[in-house]
Amino acid sequence: MDEKNIKQKEFWSGSGGDVWVNKQKEMDIMLNPLGQRAIEKLKLSSSEIILDIGCGCGATTLEIAKDIPKGKITGVDISEPMLDRAREDALKMSLSNTDFVVRDVQTDEIDNNHFDIAFSRFGVMFFEDPYEAFKNINKALKKGGQLSFVCWQQASLNPWQSLSIEVIRGFLDLPAPPPKGPGPFAFEDKSYVQDILESSNFQEIEIMGNEEQIIMFSGKSLKEACEDYLTINPIVTEMLKNSANELKEEILEALMTKFSDFHKEEGLVFPSATWIVTAKK
């Protein structure tokens, strides 16, 4: 049994994946506009062969599939429940040019020189060894193939994360996460991303900053939004998994106070900062 990325696989194919399936609509409202910035960088023709890395419930896979009627897009992820939802939605939308496969692009075999494009919406920051993963992604692309993905900048520029961690650290003695360890902010350092791509033989690398507002948990009350928040973030979930219910309630109340200034009629509205990353093989 391959021991790499075990914690990530356990989270995303377990309770974490189930939660994201249940919250798919809210998460897509939050993430789709940011994913669209990376899609806009692609030069799509009707017959492209595309790899969507960490496709989750398949929102971006299905969106791109509409634009390549003669092509094929394969969504890969390590989350069984999320891929099940993606297959269901593809069937409902009668999109026969999609395929969804349980695969870890760091460790599993991918067809070499097969894809015209590799794309990801926040799906590439969870590898234990991103250098190994991106070398595999490079091998999977045809010569001249495109890479485009979106990832988070540092947590301090994304208060939906930094403020929540500040709240939790008021109750728990939390060690600092390992630098560059798997997680939402693994690629916060632009120079680190550049080095990974250069070491993986990518060319014409561009890493562009993007700042825009995001809506979290659309239409939810402040309490509902904060309850949901504490379940969808793998870092927060790991921090709280062994905490008593009474402590979790105290943390929820403190989080509601901290997030109250960001709660609007449409949900929690936060500034965000991401990297839009493009390259070619």
C-alpha atoms as a PDB file:
ATOM      1  CA  MET A   1       0.000   0.000   0.000  1.00  0.00           C
ATOM      2  CA  ASP A   2       1.297   3.447  -0.949  1.00  0.00           C
ATOM      3  CA  GLU A   3       1.776   5.476   2.213  1.00  0.00           C
ATOM      4  CA  LYS A   4       1.959   8.890   0.517  1.00  0.00           C
ATOM      5  CA  ASN A   5      -0.829  11.450   0.997  1.00  0.00           C
ATOM      6  CA  ILE A   6      -2.624   9.069   3.396  1.00  0.00           C
ATOM      7  CA  LYS A   7      -4.065  11.812   5.641  1.00  0.00           C
ATOM      8  CA  GLN A   8      -5.383  13.712   2.632  1.00  0.00           C
ATOM      9  CA  LYS A   9      -7.001  10.575   1.207  1.00  0.00           C
ATOM     10  CA  GLU A  10      -8.605   9.739   4.549  1.00  0.00           C
ATOM     11  CA  PHE A  11     -10.039  13.256   4.901  1.00  0.00           C
ATOM     12  CA  TRP A  12     -11.331  13.724   1.352  1.00  0.00           C
ATOM     13  CA  SER A  13     -12.740  10.210   0.965  1.00  0.00           C
ATOM     14  CA  GLY A  14     -14.186  10.297   4.487  1.00  0.00           C
ATOM     15  CA  SER A  15     -16.083  12.915   6.446  1.00  0.00           C
ATOM     16  CA  GLY A  16     -14.397  15.825   4.655  1.00  0.00           C
ATOM     17  CA  GLY A  17     -15.542  14.660   1.231  1.00  0.00           C
ATOM     18  CA  ASP A  18     -19.070  13.987   2.511  1.00  0.00           C
ATOM     19  CA  VAL A  19     -19.305  17.514   3.925  1.00  0.00           C
ATOM     20  CA  TRP A  20     -18.134  19.073   0.658  1.00  0.00           C
ATOM     21  CA  VAL A  21     -20.737  17.068  -1.275  1.00  0.00           C
ATOM     22  CA  ASN A  22     -23.442  18.348   1.081  1.00  0.00           C
ATOM     23  CA  LYS A  23     -22.158  21.912   0.774  1.00  0.00           C
ATOM     24  CA  GLN A  24     -21.385  21.746  -2.941  1.00  0.00           C
ATOM     25  CA  LYS A  25     -23.671  24.613  -3.975  1.00  0.00           C
ATOM     26  CA  GLU A  26     -22.258  26.991  -1.368  1.00  0.00           C
ATOM     27  CA  MET A  27     -18.656  26.042  -2.135  1.00  0.00           C
ATOM     28  CA  ASP A  28     -19.130  26.469  -5.884  1.00  0.00           C
ATOM     29  CA  ILE A  29     -20.608  29.953  -5.334  1.00  0.00           C
ATOM     30  CA  MET A  30     -17.438  30.805  -3.396  1.00  0.00           C
ATOM     31  CA  LEU A  31     -14.868  29.187  -5.676  1.00  0.00           C
ATOM     32  CA  ASN A  32     -16.308  29.299  -9.206  1.00  0.00           C
ATOM     33  CA  PRO A  33     -15.442  32.966  -9.891  1.00  0.00           C
ATOM     34  CA  LEU A  34     -11.840  32.302  -8.837  1.00  0.00           C
ATOM     35  CA  GLY A  35     -11.645  29.134 -10.907  1.00  0.00           C
ATOM     36  CA  GLN A  36     -12.982  31.099 -13.852  1.00  0.00           C
ATOM     37  CA  ARG A  37      -9.892  33.328 -13.739  1.00  0.00           C
ATOM     38  CA  ALA A  38      -7.742  30.264 -14.458  1.00  0.00           C
ATOM     39  CA  ILE A  39     -10.144  28.986 -17.143  1.00  0.00           C
ATOM     40  CA  GLU A  40      -9.926  32.356 -18.886  1.00  0.00           C
ATOM     41  CA  LYS A  41      -6.180  31.803 -19.345  1.00  0.00           C
ATOM     42  CA  LEU A  42      -6.772  28.655 -21.416  1.00  0.00           C
ATOM     43  CA  LYS A  43      -6.791  28.694 -25.188  1.00  0.00           C
ATOM     44  CA  LEU A  44      -9.596  26.227 -25.792  1.00  0.00           C
ATOM     45  CA  SER A  45     -10.550  24.590 -29.073  1.00  0.00           C
ATOM     46  CA  SER A  46     -13.529  22.279 -29.549  1.00  0.00           C
ATOM     47  CA  SER A  47     -11.413  19.109 -29.502  1.00  0.00           C
ATOM     48  CA  GLU A  48      -9.030  19.555 -26.562  1.00  0.00           C
ATOM     49  CA  ILE A  49      -8.082  16.645 -24.303  1.00  0.00           C
ATOM     50  CA  ILE A  50      -7.978  18.039 -20.749  1.00  0.00           C
ATOM     51  CA  LEU A  51      -6.989  16.870 -17.268  1.00  0.00           C
ATOM     52  CA  ASP A  52      -8.811  18.542 -14.333  1.00  0.00           C
ATOM     53  CA  ILE A  53      -6.698  17.919 -11.213  1.00  0.00           C
ATOM     54  CA  GLY A  54      -8.458  17.730  -7.847  1.00  0.00           C
ATOM     55  CA  CYS A  55     -11.779  18.221  -9.620  1.00  0.00           C
ATOM     56  CA  GLY A  56     -13.881  17.564  -6.510  1.00  0.00           C
ATOM     57  CA  CYS A  57     -17.600  17.526  -7.327  1.00  0.00           C
ATOM     58  CA  GLY A  58     -16.787  18.375 -10.920  1.00  0.00           C
ATOM     59  CA  ALA A  59     -18.072  21.944 -11.329  1.00  0.00           C
ATOM     60  CA  THR A  60     -15.094  23.091 -13.414  1.00  0.00           C
ATOM     61  CA  THR A  61     -14.893  19.804 -15.314  1.00  0.00           C
ATOM     62  CA  LEU A  62     -18.506  20.108 -16.419  1.00  0.00           C
ATOM     63  CA  GLU A  63     -18.157  23.813 -17.235  1.00  0.00           C
ATOM     64  CA  ILE A  64     -15.143  23.197 -19.467  1.00  0.00           C
ATOM     65  CA  ALA A  65     -16.789  20.141 -21.062  1.00  0.00           C
ATOM     66  CA  LYS A  66     -19.474  22.381 -22.565  1.00  0.00           C
ATOM     67  CA  ASP A  67     -16.776  24.283 -24.486  1.00  0.00           C
ATOM     68  CA  ILE A  68     -15.070  21.222 -25.986  1.00  0.00           C
ATOM     69  CA  PRO A  69     -17.897  19.242 -27.653  1.00  0.00           C
ATOM     70  CA  LYS A  70     -15.455  17.233 -29.761  1.00  0.00           C
ATOM     71  CA  GLY A  71     -12.901  16.876 -26.967  1.00  0.00           C
ATOM     72  CA  LYS A  72     -12.657  15.017 -23.671  1.00  0.00           C
ATOM     73  CA  ILE A  73     -12.024  16.138 -20.107  1.00  0.00           C
ATOM     74  CA  THR A  74     -10.989  13.769 -17.335  1.00  0.00           C
ATOM     75  CA  GLY A  75     -11.522  14.888 -13.752  1.00  0.00           C
ATOM     76  CA  VAL A  76      -9.271  13.203 -11.205  1.00  0.00           C
ATOM     77  CA  ASP A  77      -9.509  13.389  -7.429  1.00  0.00           C
ATOM     78  CA  ILE A  78      -8.784  11.309  -4.322  1.00  0.00           C
ATOM     79  CA  SER A  79     -12.326  11.799  -2.961  1.00  0.00           C
ATOM     80  CA  GLU A  80     -14.722   8.961  -3.776  1.00  0.00           C
ATOM     81  CA  PRO A  81     -17.892  10.761  -2.571  1.00  0.00           C
ATOM     82  CA  MET A  82     -17.095  13.931  -4.504  1.00  0.00           C
ATOM     83  CA  LEU A  83     -16.455  12.011  -7.723  1.00  0.00           C
ATOM     84  CA  ASP A  84     -19.739  10.153  -7.275  1.00  0.00           C
ATOM     85  CA  ARG A  85     -21.513  13.528  -7.223  1.00  0.00           C
ATOM     86  CA  ALA A  86     -19.576  14.649 -10.308  1.00  0.00           C
ATOM     87  CA  ARG A  87     -20.682  11.551 -12.251  1.00  0.00           C
ATOM     88  CA  GLU A  88     -24.305  12.113 -11.218  1.00  0.00           C
ATOM     89  CA  ASP A  89     -24.216  15.721 -12.430  1.00  0.00           C
ATOM     90  CA  ALA A  90     -22.547  14.791 -15.733  1.00  0.00           C
ATOM     91  CA  LEU A  91     -25.349  12.292 -16.366  1.00  0.00           C
ATOM     92  CA  LYS A  92     -28.038  14.861 -15.525  1.00  0.00           C
ATOM     93  CA  MET A  93     -26.413  17.342 -17.930  1.00  0.00           C
ATOM     94  CA  SER A  94     -25.964  14.686 -20.673  1.00  0.00           C
ATOM     95  CA  LEU A  95     -22.248  15.486 -20.936  1.00  0.00           C
ATOM     96  CA  SER A  96     -20.753  12.355 -22.458  1.00  0.00           C
ATOM     97  CA  ASN A  97     -17.285  13.885 -23.020  1.00  0.00           C
ATOM     98  CA  THR A  98     -16.388  13.673 -19.329  1.00  0.00           C
ATOM     99  CA  ASP A  99     -14.748  10.983 -17.247  1.00  0.00           C
ATOM    100  CA  PHE A 100     -14.138  10.958 -13.490  1.00  0.00           C
ATOM    101  CA  VAL A 101     -11.375   8.800 -12.041  1.00  0.00           C
ATOM    102  CA  VAL A 102     -10.055   8.226  -8.516  1.00  0.00           C
ATOM    103  CA  ARG A 103      -6.403   9.102  -8.946  1.00  0.00           C
ATOM    104  CA  ASP A 104      -3.549  10.769  -7.083  1.00  0.00           C
ATOM    105  CA  VAL A 105      -1.437  12.530  -9.687  1.00  0.00           C
ATOM    106  CA  GLN A 106       1.556  12.464  -7.337  1.00  0.00           C
ATOM    107  CA  THR A 107       1.702   8.693  -7.024  1.00  0.00           C
ATOM    108  CA  ASP A 108      -0.559   7.088  -9.639  1.00  0.00           C
ATOM    109  CA  GLU A 109       0.260   6.404 -13.264  1.00  0.00           C
ATOM    110  CA  ILE A 110      -1.084   8.894 -15.810  1.00  0.00           C
ATOM    111  CA  ASP A 111      -0.855   8.493 -19.579  1.00  0.00           C
ATOM    112  CA  ASN A 112       2.278  10.252 -20.829  1.00  0.00           C
ATOM    113  CA  ASN A 113       2.064  12.895 -23.578  1.00  0.00           C
ATOM    114  CA  HIS A 114      -1.718  12.524 -23.641  1.00  0.00           C
ATOM    115  CA  PHE A 115      -3.316  15.799 -22.547  1.00  0.00           C
ATOM    116  CA  ASP A 116      -3.428  19.180 -24.285  1.00  0.00           C
ATOM    117  CA  ILE A 117      -4.248  20.986 -21.034  1.00  0.00           C
ATOM    118  CA  ALA A 118      -3.846  20.413 -17.288  1.00  0.00           C
ATOM    119  CA  PHE A 119      -6.125  22.577 -15.152  1.00  0.00           C
ATOM    120  CA  SER A 120      -6.963  22.899 -11.467  1.00  0.00           C
ATOM    121  CA  ARG A 121      -9.212  24.978  -9.230  1.00  0.00           C
ATOM    122  CA  PHE A 122      -7.555  24.768  -5.799  1.00  0.00           C
ATOM    123  CA  GLY A 123      -6.663  21.100  -6.262  1.00  0.00           C
ATOM    124  CA  VAL A 124      -2.863  21.133  -6.378  1.00  0.00           C
ATOM    125  CA  MET A 125      -1.855  22.331  -2.888  1.00  0.00           C
ATOM    126  CA  PHE A 126      -2.383  19.064  -1.010  1.00  0.00           C
ATOM    127  CA  PHE A 127       0.521  16.920  -2.229  1.00  0.00           C
ATOM    128  CA  GLU A 128       3.135  15.705   0.236  1.00  0.00           C
ATOM    129  CA  ASP A 129       5.676  16.050  -2.586  1.00  0.00           C
ATOM    130  CA  PRO A 130       4.533  18.689  -5.106  1.00  0.00           C
ATOM    131  CA  TYR A 131       7.781  18.336  -7.063  1.00  0.00           C
ATOM    132  CA  GLU A 132       6.953  14.707  -7.787  1.00  0.00           C
ATOM    133  CA  ALA A 133       3.337  15.596  -8.581  1.00  0.00           C
ATOM    134  CA  PHE A 134       4.166  18.346 -11.054  1.00  0.00           C
ATOM    135  CA  LYS A 135       6.766  16.210 -12.801  1.00  0.00           C
ATOM    136  CA  ASN A 136       3.970  13.699 -13.391  1.00  0.00           C
ATOM    137  CA  ILE A 137       1.665  16.463 -14.611  1.00  0.00           C
ATOM    138  CA  ASN A 138       4.360  17.642 -17.011  1.00  0.00           C
ATOM    139  CA  LYS A 139       4.820  14.110 -18.358  1.00  0.00           C
ATOM    140  CA  ALA A 140       1.062  13.790 -18.889  1.00  0.00           C
ATOM    141  CA  LEU A 141       1.007  16.848 -21.173  1.00  0.00           C
ATOM    142  CA  LYS A 142       1.791  16.848 -24.863  1.00  0.00           C
ATOM    143  CA  LYS A 143       4.671  19.028 -26.047  1.00  0.00           C
ATOM    144  CA  GLY A 144       3.446  22.629 -25.928  1.00  0.00           C
ATOM    145  CA  GLY A 145       0.580  21.649 -23.627  1.00  0.00           C
ATOM    146  CA  GLN A 146      -0.922  24.265 -21.306  1.00  0.00           C
ATOM    147  CA  LEU A 147      -1.030  24.353 -17.511  1.00  0.00           C
ATOM    148  CA  SER A 148      -3.377  26.703 -15.662  1.00  0.00           C
ATOM    149  CA  PHE A 149      -4.405  26.663 -12.013  1.00  0.00           C
ATOM    150  CA  VAL A 150      -5.551  28.898  -9.184  1.00  0.00           C
ATOM    151  CA  CYS A 151      -4.272  28.639  -5.588  1.00  0.00           C
ATOM    152  CA  TRP A 152      -4.405  30.781  -2.456  1.00  0.00           C
ATOM    153  CA  GLN A 153      -1.887  33.448  -1.523  1.00  0.00           C
ATOM    154  CA  GLN A 154      -0.916  33.743   2.152  1.00  0.00           C
ATOM    155  CA  ALA A 155      -3.552  33.358   4.849  1.00  0.00           C
ATOM    156  CA  SER A 156      -3.034  36.919   6.090  1.00  0.00           C
ATOM    157  CA  LEU A 157      -4.534  38.136   2.795  1.00  0.00           C
ATOM    158  CA  ASN A 158      -7.460  35.729   3.155  1.00  0.00           C
ATOM    159  CA  PRO A 159      -9.166  36.682   6.432  1.00  0.00           C
ATOM    160  CA  TRP A 160     -11.732  33.879   6.177  1.00  0.00           C
ATOM    161  CA  GLN A 161      -8.764  31.677   7.138  1.00  0.00           C
ATOM    162  CA  SER A 162      -6.472  33.900   9.207  1.00  0.00           C
ATOM    163  CA  LEU A 163      -9.232  35.224  11.491  1.00  0.00           C
ATOM    164  CA  SER A 164     -10.618  31.759  12.160  1.00  0.00           C
ATOM    165  CA  ILE A 165      -7.197  30.412  13.108  1.00  0.00           C
ATOM    166  CA  GLU A 166      -6.752  33.404  15.408  1.00  0.00           C
ATOM    167  CA  VAL A 167     -10.029  32.501  17.126  1.00  0.00           C
ATOM    168  CA  ILE A 168      -9.156  28.821  17.532  1.00  0.00           C
ATOM    169  CA  ARG A 169      -5.710  29.641  18.913  1.00  0.00           C
ATOM    170  CA  GLY A 170      -7.449  31.607  21.642  1.00  0.00           C
ATOM    171  CA  PHE A 171      -8.782  28.283  22.935  1.00  0.00           C
ATOM    172  CA  LEU A 172      -6.256  25.668  21.856  1.00  0.00           C
ATOM    173  CA  ASP A 173      -2.468  25.482  21.988  1.00  0.00           C
ATOM    174  CA  LEU A 174      -1.887  24.897  18.309  1.00  0.00           C
ATOM    175  CA  PRO A 175       1.530  24.292  16.787  1.00  0.00           C
ATOM    176  CA  ALA A 176       2.348  26.227  13.653  1.00  0.00           C
ATOM    177  CA  PRO A 177       1.688  24.114  10.553  1.00  0.00           C
ATOM    178  CA  PRO A 178       4.834  22.883   8.783  1.00  0.00           C
ATOM    179  CA  PRO A 179       5.966  25.389   6.152  1.00  0.00           C
ATOM    180  CA  LYS A 180       4.905  24.326   2.664  1.00  0.00           C
ATOM    181  CA  GLY A 181       3.077  21.299   4.131  1.00  0.00           C
ATOM    182  CA  PRO A 182      -0.029  19.980   2.353  1.00  0.00           C
ATOM    183  CA  GLY A 183      -2.977  22.298   2.831  1.00  0.00           C
ATOM    184  CA  PRO A 184      -4.891  25.216   1.314  1.00  0.00           C
ATOM    185  CA  PHE A 185      -1.948  27.633   1.717  1.00  0.00           C
ATOM    186  CA  ALA A 186       0.923  25.370   0.686  1.00  0.00           C
ATOM    187  CA  PHE A 187       1.533  27.549  -2.401  1.00  0.00           C
ATOM    188  CA  GLU A 188       1.344  30.952  -0.712  1.00  0.00           C
ATOM    189  CA  ASP A 189       5.019  31.651  -1.576  1.00  0.00           C
ATOM    190  CA  LYS A 190       5.253  32.700  -5.213  1.00  0.00           C
ATOM    191  CA  SER A 191       8.950  31.774  -5.445  1.00  0.00           C
ATOM    192  CA  TYR A 192       8.168  28.262  -4.178  1.00  0.00           C
ATOM    193  CA  VAL A 193       5.579  27.754  -6.915  1.00  0.00           C
ATOM    194  CA  GLN A 194       8.066  29.068  -9.482  1.00  0.00           C
ATOM    195  CA  ASP A 195      10.716  26.617  -8.274  1.00  0.00           C
ATOM    196  CA  ILE A 196       8.335  23.646  -8.385  1.00  0.00           C
ATOM    197  CA  LEU A 197       7.356  24.414 -11.969  1.00  0.00           C
ATOM    198  CA  GLU A 198      10.896  25.109 -13.124  1.00  0.00           C
ATOM    199  CA  SER A 199      12.110  21.872 -11.508  1.00  0.00           C
ATOM    200  CA  SER A 200       9.279  20.029 -13.292  1.00  0.00           C
ATOM    201  CA  ASN A 201      10.445  21.288 -16.708  1.00  0.00           C
ATOM    202  CA  PHE A 202       7.653  23.791 -17.317  1.00  0.00           C
ATOM    203  CA  GLN A 203       8.319  26.815 -19.531  1.00  0.00           C
ATOM    204  CA  GLU A 204       6.803  30.308 -19.951  1.00  0.00           C
ATOM    205  CA  ILE A 205       5.751  30.362 -16.293  1.00  0.00           C
ATOM    206  CA  GLU A 206       3.532  33.253 -15.196  1.00  0.00           C
ATOM    207  CA  ILE A 207       2.237  33.743 -11.644  1.00  0.00           C
ATOM    208  CA  MET A 208      -0.264  36.584 -11.435  1.00  0.00           C
ATOM    209  CA  GLY A 209      -1.920  37.954  -8.306  1.00  0.00           C
ATOM    210  CA  ASN A 210      -5.689  38.229  -8.203  1.00  0.00           C
ATOM    211  CA  GLU A 211      -7.713  39.974  -5.513  1.00  0.00           C
ATOM    212  CA  GLU A 212     -11.508  39.943  -5.355  1.00  0.00           C
ATOM    213  CA  GLN A 213     -14.373  39.454  -2.940  1.00  0.00           C
ATOM    214  CA  ILE A 214     -15.763  35.987  -2.306  1.00  0.00           C
ATOM    215  CA  ILE A 215     -19.105  34.908  -0.867  1.00  0.00           C
ATOM    216  CA  MET A 216     -19.058  32.033   1.610  1.00  0.00           C
ATOM    217  CA  PHE A 217     -22.211  30.089   2.529  1.00  0.00           C
ATOM    218  CA  SER A 218     -24.585  32.090   0.405  1.00  0.00           C
ATOM    219  CA  GLY A 219     -27.867  32.945   2.092  1.00  0.00           C
ATOM    220  CA  LYS A 220     -26.933  31.400   5.441  1.00  0.00           C
ATOM    221  CA  SER A 221     -27.351  33.086   8.816  1.00  0.00           C
ATOM    222  CA  LEU A 222     -24.184  34.054  10.663  1.00  0.00           C
ATOM    223  CA  LYS A 223     -24.474  31.023  12.946  1.00  0.00           C
ATOM    224  CA  GLU A 224     -25.170  28.607  10.099  1.00  0.00           C
ATOM    225  CA  ALA A 225     -22.263  29.999   8.091  1.00  0.00           C
ATOM    226  CA  CYS A 226     -19.834  29.679  11.008  1.00  0.00           C
ATOM    227  CA  GLU A 227     -21.017  26.122  11.760  1.00  0.00           C
ATOM    228  CA  ASP A 228     -20.445  25.188   8.130  1.00  0.00           C
ATOM    229  CA  TYR A 229     -17.062  26.888   8.085  1.00  0.00           C
ATOM    230  CA  LEU A 230     -15.804  24.741  10.956  1.00  0.00           C
ATOM    231  CA  THR A 231     -16.548  21.583   8.944  1.00  0.00           C
ATOM    232  CA  ILE A 232     -15.203  22.322   5.445  1.00  0.00           C
ATOM    233  CA  ASN A 233     -11.633  23.433   6.088  1.00  0.00           C
ATOM    234  CA  PRO A 234      -9.238  20.453   6.509  1.00  0.00           C
ATOM    235  CA  ILE A 235      -6.852  22.475   8.687  1.00  0.00           C
ATOM    236  CA  VAL A 236      -9.625  23.552  11.058  1.00  0.00           C
ATOM    237  CA  THR A 237     -11.193  20.087  11.055  1.00  0.00           C
ATOM    238  CA  GLU A 238      -7.892  18.544  12.103  1.00  0.00           C
ATOM    239  CA  MET A 239      -7.465  21.122  14.863  1.00  0.00           C
ATOM    240  CA  LEU A 240     -10.897  20.486  16.369  1.00  0.00           C
ATOM    241  CA  LYS A 241     -11.345  16.745  15.898  1.00  0.00           C
ATOM    242  CA  ASN A 242     -10.435  15.853  19.498  1.00  0.00           C
ATOM    243  CA  SER A 243     -12.075  18.846  21.194  1.00  0.00           C
ATOM    244  CA  ALA A 244     -15.004  18.530  23.601  1.00  0.00           C
ATOM    245  CA  ASN A 245     -18.437  19.704  22.424  1.00  0.00           C
ATOM    246  CA  GLU A 246     -18.502  22.456  25.051  1.00  0.00           C
ATOM    247  CA  LEU A 247     -15.244  23.842  23.722  1.00  0.00           C
ATOM    248  CA  LYS A 248     -16.506  23.658  20.149  1.00  0.00           C
ATOM    249  CA  GLU A 249     -19.542  25.711  21.180  1.00  0.00           C
ATOM    250  CA  GLU A 250     -17.305  28.352  22.758  1.00  0.00           C
ATOM    251  CA  ILE A 251     -15.200  28.477  19.605  1.00  0.00           C
ATOM    252  CA  LEU A 252     -18.346  28.813  17.471  1.00  0.00           C
ATOM    253  CA  GLU A 253     -19.530  31.788  19.538  1.00  0.00           C
ATOM    254  CA  ALA A 254     -16.134  33.464  19.278  1.00  0.00           C
ATOM    255  CA  LEU A 255     -16.014  32.835  15.527  1.00  0.00           C
ATOM    256  CA  MET A 256     -19.446  34.398  15.098  1.00  0.00           C
ATOM    257  CA  THR A 257     -18.199  37.509  16.888  1.00  0.00           C
ATOM    258  CA  LYS A 258     -15.054  37.644  14.736  1.00  0.00           C
ATOM    259  CA  PHE A 259     -16.942  37.095  11.456  1.00  0.00           C
ATOM    260  CA  SER A 260     -19.897  39.354  12.254  1.00  0.00           C
ATOM    261  CA  ASP A 261     -18.494  42.368  10.393  1.00  0.00           C
ATOM    262  CA  PHE A 262     -18.262  40.260   7.227  1.00  0.00           C
ATOM    263  CA  HIS A 263     -21.805  38.876   7.330  1.00  0.00           C
ATOM    264  CA  LYS A 264     -24.089  40.435   4.739  1.00  0.00           C
ATOM    265  CA  GLU A 265     -27.478  39.537   3.306  1.00  0.00           C
ATOM    266  CA  GLU A 266     -25.828  37.335   0.667  1.00  0.00           C
ATOM    267  CA  GLY A 267     -23.648  35.432   3.175  1.00  0.00           C
ATOM    268  CA  LEU A 268     -20.123  35.918   4.508  1.00  0.00           C
ATOM    269  CA  VAL A 269     -18.342  38.360   2.183  1.00  0.00           C
ATOM    270  CA  PHE A 270     -14.548  38.388   2.435  1.00  0.00           C
ATOM    271  CA  PRO A 271     -11.646  39.827   0.471  1.00  0.00           C
ATOM    272  CA  SER A 272      -9.466  37.122  -1.072  1.00  0.00           C
ATOM    273  CA  ALA A 273      -6.041  36.858  -2.689  1.00  0.00           C
ATOM    274  CA  THR A 274      -5.057  34.099  -5.092  1.00  0.00           C
ATOM    275  CA  TRP A 275      -2.335  33.237  -7.599  1.00  0.00           C
ATOM    276  CA  ILE A 276      -3.360  32.512 -11.174  1.00  0.00           C
ATOM    277  CA  VAL A 277      -0.576  30.308 -12.503  1.00  0.00           C
ATOM    278  CA  THR A 278       0.081  29.418 -16.143  1.00  0.00           C
ATOM    279  CA  ALA A 279       2.872  27.563 -17.915  1.00  0.00           C
ATOM    280  CA  LYS A 280       3.616  25.382 -20.938  1.00  0.00           C
ATOM    281  CA  LYS A 281       5.412  22.109 -21.453  1.00  0.00           C
END
